[in-house]
Protein backbone atom coordinates (compact mmCIF):
# COMPACT_ATOMS: atom_id res chain seq x y z
CA MET A 1 -25.55 -1.59 44.14
CA ILE A 2 -23.00 -2.23 41.41
CA TYR A 3 -19.81 -4.18 42.15
CA VAL A 4 -17.99 -3.65 38.85
CA GLU A 5 -17.24 -0.81 36.43
CA ASN A 6 -17.80 -0.53 32.70
CA LYS A 7 -15.29 -2.63 30.71
CA ASP A 8 -14.08 -4.57 33.76
CA LEU A 9 -12.90 -8.10 33.00
CA VAL A 10 -15.08 -10.66 34.84
CA ILE A 11 -15.22 -14.45 35.15
CA PRO A 12 -18.13 -16.94 35.17
CA GLY A 13 -20.11 -16.81 38.43
CA GLN A 14 -18.78 -13.43 39.51
CA VAL A 15 -21.40 -11.20 41.21
CA LEU A 16 -21.85 -7.98 39.23
CA SER A 17 -24.70 -6.12 40.91
CA ASP A 18 -27.80 -6.43 43.04
CA ASP A 19 -31.33 -6.42 41.65
CA GLU A 20 -31.30 -2.68 40.94
CA TYR A 21 -29.80 -3.63 37.57
CA TYR A 22 -31.40 -5.62 34.77
CA SER A 23 -29.77 -8.86 33.69
CA GLY A 24 -28.60 -8.68 30.07
CA ARG A 25 -26.77 -10.92 27.63
CA GLY A 26 -23.95 -12.94 29.21
CA THR A 27 -25.46 -12.74 32.73
CA PHE A 28 -27.96 -14.55 34.95
CA LYS A 29 -29.82 -13.77 38.17
CA GLU A 30 -29.38 -15.76 41.35
CA ASN A 31 -30.67 -14.86 44.86
CA GLY A 32 -31.40 -11.33 43.74
CA LYS A 33 -27.92 -10.79 42.33
CA VAL A 34 -26.81 -10.38 38.71
CA CYS A 35 -23.90 -12.71 37.94
CA SER A 36 -21.68 -13.25 34.92
CA SER A 37 -22.23 -16.44 32.92
CA LEU A 38 -18.93 -16.21 31.02
CA MET A 39 -15.49 -14.61 30.89
CA GLY A 40 -15.68 -11.21 29.26
CA LEU A 41 -16.01 -7.45 29.57
CA VAL A 42 -18.76 -5.63 31.46
CA SER A 43 -21.05 -3.32 29.52
CA LEU A 44 -23.25 -0.95 31.55
CA ARG A 45 -26.02 1.07 29.98
CA ASN A 46 -29.29 2.43 31.41
CA LYS A 47 -29.37 0.12 34.44
CA LYS A 48 -28.79 -2.89 32.19
CA ILE A 49 -25.68 -4.97 32.70
CA ARG A 50 -24.21 -7.27 30.05
CA VAL A 51 -21.02 -9.28 29.63
CA ILE A 52 -19.39 -9.40 26.21
CA PRO A 53 -17.34 -12.57 25.65
CA LEU A 54 -13.66 -12.13 24.90
CA LYS A 55 -13.86 -14.96 22.39
CA SER A 56 -16.96 -16.18 20.67
CA LYS A 57 -18.11 -18.16 17.66
CA TYR A 58 -20.40 -16.82 15.01
CA VAL A 59 -24.02 -17.98 15.25
CA PRO A 60 -25.79 -17.36 11.92
CA LYS A 61 -28.92 -15.22 11.80
CA LYS A 62 -31.26 -14.56 8.91
CA GLY A 63 -30.26 -11.41 7.03
CA ASP A 64 -26.60 -11.44 8.09
CA VAL A 65 -23.91 -10.78 5.49
CA VAL A 66 -20.97 -13.18 5.73
CA ILE A 67 -17.78 -14.21 3.99
CA GLY A 68 -17.53 -17.94 3.28
CA LYS A 69 -15.18 -20.43 1.63
CA ILE A 70 -16.39 -23.29 -0.59
CA ASN A 71 -15.55 -26.59 1.14
CA ASP A 72 -17.27 -29.06 -1.17
CA VAL A 73 -19.29 -29.16 -4.40
CA ARG A 74 -22.29 -31.49 -4.37
CA PHE A 75 -24.98 -32.40 -6.90
CA SER A 76 -27.21 -29.39 -6.25
CA MET A 77 -25.38 -27.23 -3.70
CA TRP A 78 -22.08 -25.96 -2.36
CA ASP A 79 -20.94 -26.59 1.23
CA VAL A 80 -19.61 -23.32 2.65
CA ASP A 81 -17.39 -22.71 5.69
CA ILE A 82 -18.80 -19.56 7.35
CA ASN A 83 -16.34 -19.44 10.28
CA SER A 84 -18.88 -21.00 12.61
CA PRO A 85 -19.56 -24.29 14.40
CA TYR A 86 -22.67 -24.39 12.21
CA SER A 87 -22.53 -25.29 8.54
CA GLY A 88 -23.61 -23.24 5.57
CA ILE A 89 -25.03 -24.35 2.22
CA LEU A 90 -25.45 -22.43 -1.01
CA PRO A 91 -28.19 -24.13 -3.09
CA ALA A 92 -27.70 -24.09 -6.86
CA PHE A 93 -31.10 -22.48 -7.44
CA GLU A 94 -29.98 -19.47 -5.36
CA VAL A 95 -27.28 -18.86 -7.98
CA PHE A 96 -28.87 -19.63 -11.35
CA GLY A 97 -32.49 -20.60 -10.69
CA ARG A 98 -33.73 -23.65 -12.60
CA GLU A 99 -31.01 -23.47 -15.22
CA LYS A 100 -28.72 -26.53 -15.12
CA LYS A 101 -24.97 -25.94 -14.98
CA GLU A 102 -21.91 -27.77 -13.76
CA LEU A 103 -21.51 -26.32 -10.28
CA ASN A 104 -17.71 -26.54 -10.12
CA LYS A 105 -17.47 -24.41 -13.27
CA VAL A 106 -19.30 -21.63 -11.44
CA TYR A 107 -17.73 -21.87 -7.96
CA ASP A 108 -15.14 -24.47 -6.97
CA VAL A 109 -13.50 -25.67 -3.76
CA GLY A 110 -11.40 -22.87 -2.27
CA ASP A 111 -13.38 -20.00 -3.78
CA VAL A 112 -14.23 -17.22 -1.30
CA LEU A 113 -17.64 -15.52 -1.58
CA PHE A 114 -19.57 -12.64 -0.06
CA LEU A 115 -23.00 -14.04 0.86
CA ARG A 116 -26.22 -13.36 2.68
CA VAL A 117 -27.89 -15.69 5.21
CA VAL A 118 -31.28 -16.42 3.62
CA ASP A 119 -32.58 -18.68 6.38
CA VAL A 120 -31.49 -20.66 9.45
CA ASP A 121 -33.09 -23.99 10.41
CA GLU A 122 -33.69 -25.50 13.86
CA ILE A 123 -30.13 -26.90 14.08
CA LYS A 124 -28.62 -23.56 13.01
CA LYS A 125 -27.66 -24.71 9.52
CA ALA A 126 -27.52 -21.58 7.36
CA LYS A 127 -29.00 -21.42 3.87
CA LEU A 128 -27.05 -18.84 1.90
CA GLY A 129 -27.76 -16.72 -1.15
CA LEU A 130 -26.14 -14.17 -3.42
CA LYS A 131 -29.02 -11.78 -3.98
CA GLY A 132 -28.02 -8.30 -2.90
CA ARG A 133 -25.67 -5.47 -3.63
CA GLY A 134 -22.07 -6.57 -4.00
CA MET A 135 -22.65 -10.29 -3.43
CA GLY A 136 -20.37 -12.68 -5.31
CA LYS A 137 -16.89 -14.15 -5.59
CA PHE A 138 -13.78 -12.36 -4.38
CA LYS A 139 -10.76 -12.23 -6.68
CA GLY A 140 -7.35 -11.89 -5.09
CA GLY A 141 -6.74 -10.19 -1.76
CA ILE A 142 -6.34 -11.74 1.69
CA ILE A 143 -8.74 -12.86 4.43
CA VAL A 144 -8.31 -11.66 8.02
CA ASP A 145 -10.08 -13.53 10.85
CA ILE A 146 -11.28 -11.71 13.97
CA ALA A 147 -13.78 -12.40 16.77
CA PRO A 148 -17.32 -11.64 15.51
CA THR A 149 -18.00 -9.55 18.64
CA LYS A 150 -15.22 -7.15 17.59
CA VAL A 151 -16.76 -6.43 14.17
CA PRO A 152 -18.64 -3.30 15.36
CA ARG A 153 -15.41 -1.88 16.82
CA LEU A 154 -13.62 -2.46 13.53
CA ILE A 155 -16.38 -0.64 11.66
CA GLY A 156 -16.66 2.20 14.20
CA LYS A 157 -19.36 4.84 14.58
CA LYS A 158 -20.99 5.41 11.19
CA GLY A 159 -18.09 3.52 9.57
CA SER A 160 -15.47 5.93 10.94
CA MET A 161 -12.78 3.35 11.78
CA ILE A 162 -13.03 1.20 8.65
CA ASN A 163 -13.25 4.24 6.37
CA MET A 164 -10.13 5.74 7.95
CA ILE A 165 -8.22 2.53 7.24
CA LYS A 166 -9.50 2.32 3.66
CA ASP A 167 -8.71 5.97 2.91
CA LYS A 168 -5.17 5.76 4.28
CA THR A 169 -4.14 2.35 2.87
CA LYS A 170 -6.15 2.63 -0.39
CA CYS A 171 -7.23 -0.99 0.19
CA LYS A 172 -10.64 -2.37 -0.63
CA ILE A 173 -12.12 -3.86 2.57
CA VAL A 174 -15.28 -5.91 3.03
CA VAL A 175 -16.37 -6.97 6.53
CA GLY A 176 -18.54 -10.02 7.21
CA GLN A 177 -20.60 -10.32 10.38
CA ASN A 178 -19.01 -13.73 10.91
CA GLY A 179 -15.65 -12.13 11.72
CA LEU A 180 -13.98 -12.60 8.32
CA VAL A 181 -12.60 -9.52 6.59
CA TRP A 182 -11.49 -9.36 2.93
CA VAL A 183 -8.66 -6.96 2.10
CA LYS A 184 -7.24 -6.16 -1.34
CA GLY A 185 -4.57 -3.63 -2.22
CA ASP A 186 -0.81 -3.32 -2.61
CA GLU A 187 0.96 -6.18 -0.84
CA ASP A 188 2.56 -3.92 1.79
CA MET A 189 -0.76 -2.18 2.46
CA GLU A 190 -2.57 -5.53 2.79
CA GLN A 191 -0.12 -6.58 5.50
CA LEU A 192 -0.39 -3.23 7.28
CA THR A 193 -4.19 -3.44 7.17
CA LYS A 194 -4.06 -6.98 8.58
CA ASP A 195 -1.85 -5.82 11.47
CA VAL A 196 -4.16 -2.87 12.17
CA ILE A 197 -7.27 -5.08 12.19
CA HIS A 198 -5.66 -7.47 14.67
CA LEU A 199 -4.63 -4.52 16.86
CA ILE A 200 -8.24 -3.29 16.90
CA GLU A 201 -9.39 -6.80 17.86
CA ALA A 202 -6.87 -7.04 20.70
CA GLU A 203 -7.58 -3.57 22.11
CA ALA A 204 -11.27 -3.13 21.28
CA HIS A 205 -12.06 -2.49 24.95
CA THR A 206 -9.51 0.29 25.42
CA SER A 207 -10.14 4.03 25.17
CA GLY A 208 -8.41 6.25 22.62
CA LEU A 209 -8.18 3.41 20.11
CA THR A 210 -9.14 5.49 17.08
CA ASN A 211 -6.24 7.90 17.64
CA LYS A 212 -3.87 5.01 18.27
CA ILE A 213 -4.82 3.39 14.96
CA LYS A 214 -4.57 6.73 13.12
CA ASN A 215 -1.06 7.30 14.53
CA LYS A 216 0.03 3.80 13.52
CA LEU A 217 -1.24 4.29 9.95
CA TYR A 218 0.38 7.71 9.53
CA LEU A 219 3.73 6.58 10.96
CA ALA A 220 3.77 3.47 8.75
CA ILE A 221 2.74 5.27 5.55
CA ASP A 222 3.91 8.89 5.93
CA GLY A 223 6.68 8.45 8.49
CA GLU A 224 5.15 11.10 10.76
CA LEU A 225 2.24 11.60 13.12
CA PRO A 226 -0.98 13.22 11.85
CA PRO A 227 -1.95 16.78 12.81
CA GLU A 228 -3.46 16.89 16.30
CA GLU A 229 -7.25 16.97 16.52
CA VAL A 230 -9.60 17.60 19.43
CA PRO A 231 -11.08 14.15 20.33
CA GLU A 232 -14.84 13.77 20.32
CA GLU A 233 -16.53 13.12 23.65
CA ASN A 234 -17.59 9.51 24.29
CA GLU A 235 -15.98 8.51 21.00
CA GLU A 236 -15.43 4.96 22.23
CA GLU A 237 -18.87 4.20 23.58
CA GLU A 238 -20.82 2.06 21.08
CA GLU A 239 -18.63 -0.97 21.30
CA PHE A 240 -20.32 -4.25 21.48
CA VAL A 241 -23.60 -4.41 19.59
CA LEU A 242 -23.16 -6.69 16.61
CA GLU A 243 -24.77 -4.65 13.89
CA LYS A 244 -24.98 -5.21 10.18
CA PRO A 245 -21.95 -3.80 8.36
CA LYS A 246 -22.63 -1.38 5.53
CA LEU A 247 -22.49 -3.27 2.25
CA GLN A 248 -19.76 -2.30 -0.14
CA ASN A 249 -20.17 -3.11 -3.79
CA PHE A 250 -16.70 -4.57 -4.25
CA LYS A 251 -17.96 -6.62 -7.21
CA GLU A 252 -18.54 -3.54 -9.34
CA GLU A 253 -15.12 -2.21 -8.36
CA LEU A 254 -13.43 -5.47 -9.38
CA GLU A 255 -15.29 -5.57 -12.68
CA GLN A 256 -14.20 -1.96 -13.31
CA GLU A 257 -10.59 -2.98 -12.61
CA GLU A 258 -10.88 -5.83 -15.12
CA ARG A 259 -12.36 -3.52 -17.76
CA GLU A 260 -9.53 -1.02 -17.27
CA ALA A 261 -6.94 -3.82 -17.52
CA GLN A 262 -8.52 -5.11 -20.74
CA GLU A 263 -8.62 -1.60 -22.24
CA LYS A 264 -4.96 -1.08 -21.33
CA GLU A 265 -4.02 -4.41 -22.91
CA ALA A 266 -5.97 -3.52 -26.08
CA GLU A 267 -4.16 -0.18 -26.30
CA GLU A 268 -0.78 -1.87 -25.95
CA ILE A 269 -1.64 -4.39 -28.69
CA LYS A 270 -2.81 -1.56 -30.96
CA LYS A 271 0.37 0.41 -30.33
CA GLU A 272 2.47 -2.66 -30.98
CA LYS A 273 0.71 -3.20 -34.32
CA GLU A 274 1.21 0.44 -35.28
CA ASP A 275 4.93 0.19 -34.51
CA LYS A 276 5.28 -2.90 -36.73
CA PRO A 277 5.86 -2.27 -40.49
CA ASN A 278 3.03 -3.12 -42.91
CA ILE A 279 3.82 -6.61 -44.29
CA ALA A 280 2.24 -5.91 -47.67
CA GLU A 281 4.30 -2.74 -48.12
CA VAL A 282 7.48 -4.58 -47.10
CA ILE A 283 6.82 -7.31 -49.69
CA GLU A 284 6.16 -4.75 -52.46
CA GLU A 285 9.34 -2.87 -51.59
CA PHE A 286 11.28 -6.13 -51.61
CA LYS A 287 9.88 -7.02 -55.07
CA ARG A 288 10.86 -3.61 -56.46
CA LYS A 289 14.38 -3.93 -55.15
CA ASN A 290 14.68 -7.52 -56.36
CA LYS A 291 13.51 -6.56 -59.87
CA LYS A 292 16.17 -3.85 -60.06
CA ASP A 293 18.89 -6.24 -58.87
CA THR A 294 17.78 -8.86 -61.44
CA THR A 295 18.18 -6.36 -64.34
CA LEU A 296 21.74 -5.67 -63.29
CA SER A 297 22.37 -9.39 -63.01
CA TYR A 298 21.23 -9.96 -66.60
CA GLY A 299 23.78 -7.37 -67.80
CA ASP A 300 26.50 -9.10 -65.85
CA ASN A 301 25.43 -12.46 -67.23
CA SER A 302 25.68 -11.22 -70.88
CA ASN A 303 29.18 -9.96 -70.27
CA ASN A 304 30.07 -13.28 -68.72
CA SER A 305 28.57 -15.08 -71.67
CA PHE A 306 30.63 -12.92 -74.09
CA ILE A 307 33.80 -13.76 -72.23
CA LEU A 308 33.03 -17.43 -72.25
CA ASN A 309 32.25 -17.37 -76.00
CA ASN A 310 35.57 -15.64 -76.73
CA LYS A 311 37.39 -18.31 -74.75
CA GLN A 312 35.96 -20.89 -77.04
């Protein structure tokens, strides 16, 4: 027998079902009953009952992709805040092998990076690396912090939610499994994207969320609601499995932006040079004019000399 429904809010110790159901994450069995071990939302699937915490901290796992901020630069590594109770380190050899460089000239305190968890030791300290598509330092943009358990809802089925936000706001968005999200675009669109992400976090457990987010985006950007569409059945169902976000090669996009900016600057300099007169031609023209003026001056001087001689 089941005593709760899918997505019900439960508290620690609350009885959820009898032994007909399997005990999943966030639950425990006692006297033949499945009970909740934390405060969260019920997830029922195939006779398995789980409780998803409303708030949780990121626990690093090998292979995860995360967003981290450099906290300290040491002799042979960087200390990285990965939005977790557990620390992260980026060894120098993971960045440039055996080559010796001054670490703070590569990445310094405050830099924000897209990284991969290479390994996790027995005390959950994460060793990080940059090998992989799109790994590296972010330039510009803002960071939005959400609960790691809400990351799958932000991404949506096959990337449906995150792609809808990107397409409508024209922002670049990279999602880390540790609950940090990087957003870069026009300032107004960055703020709108931040608000939308927080709305998804707050209402991840509600039905019809995709349409609600779509309406919010269209009203904010176009000033009107989108055309009505027939909703897909069970659109909200795969909520709470923390899967690996699809990697986005933001690094290549940023490098392309820089190349375009440099090309534009070069064109402006070239145009400016073309608009300026040729210095050599200006000097030659000045000499020609000056020579002509000097000839006239000599004539004037002889007349003046004649006058002066007559006065004598």
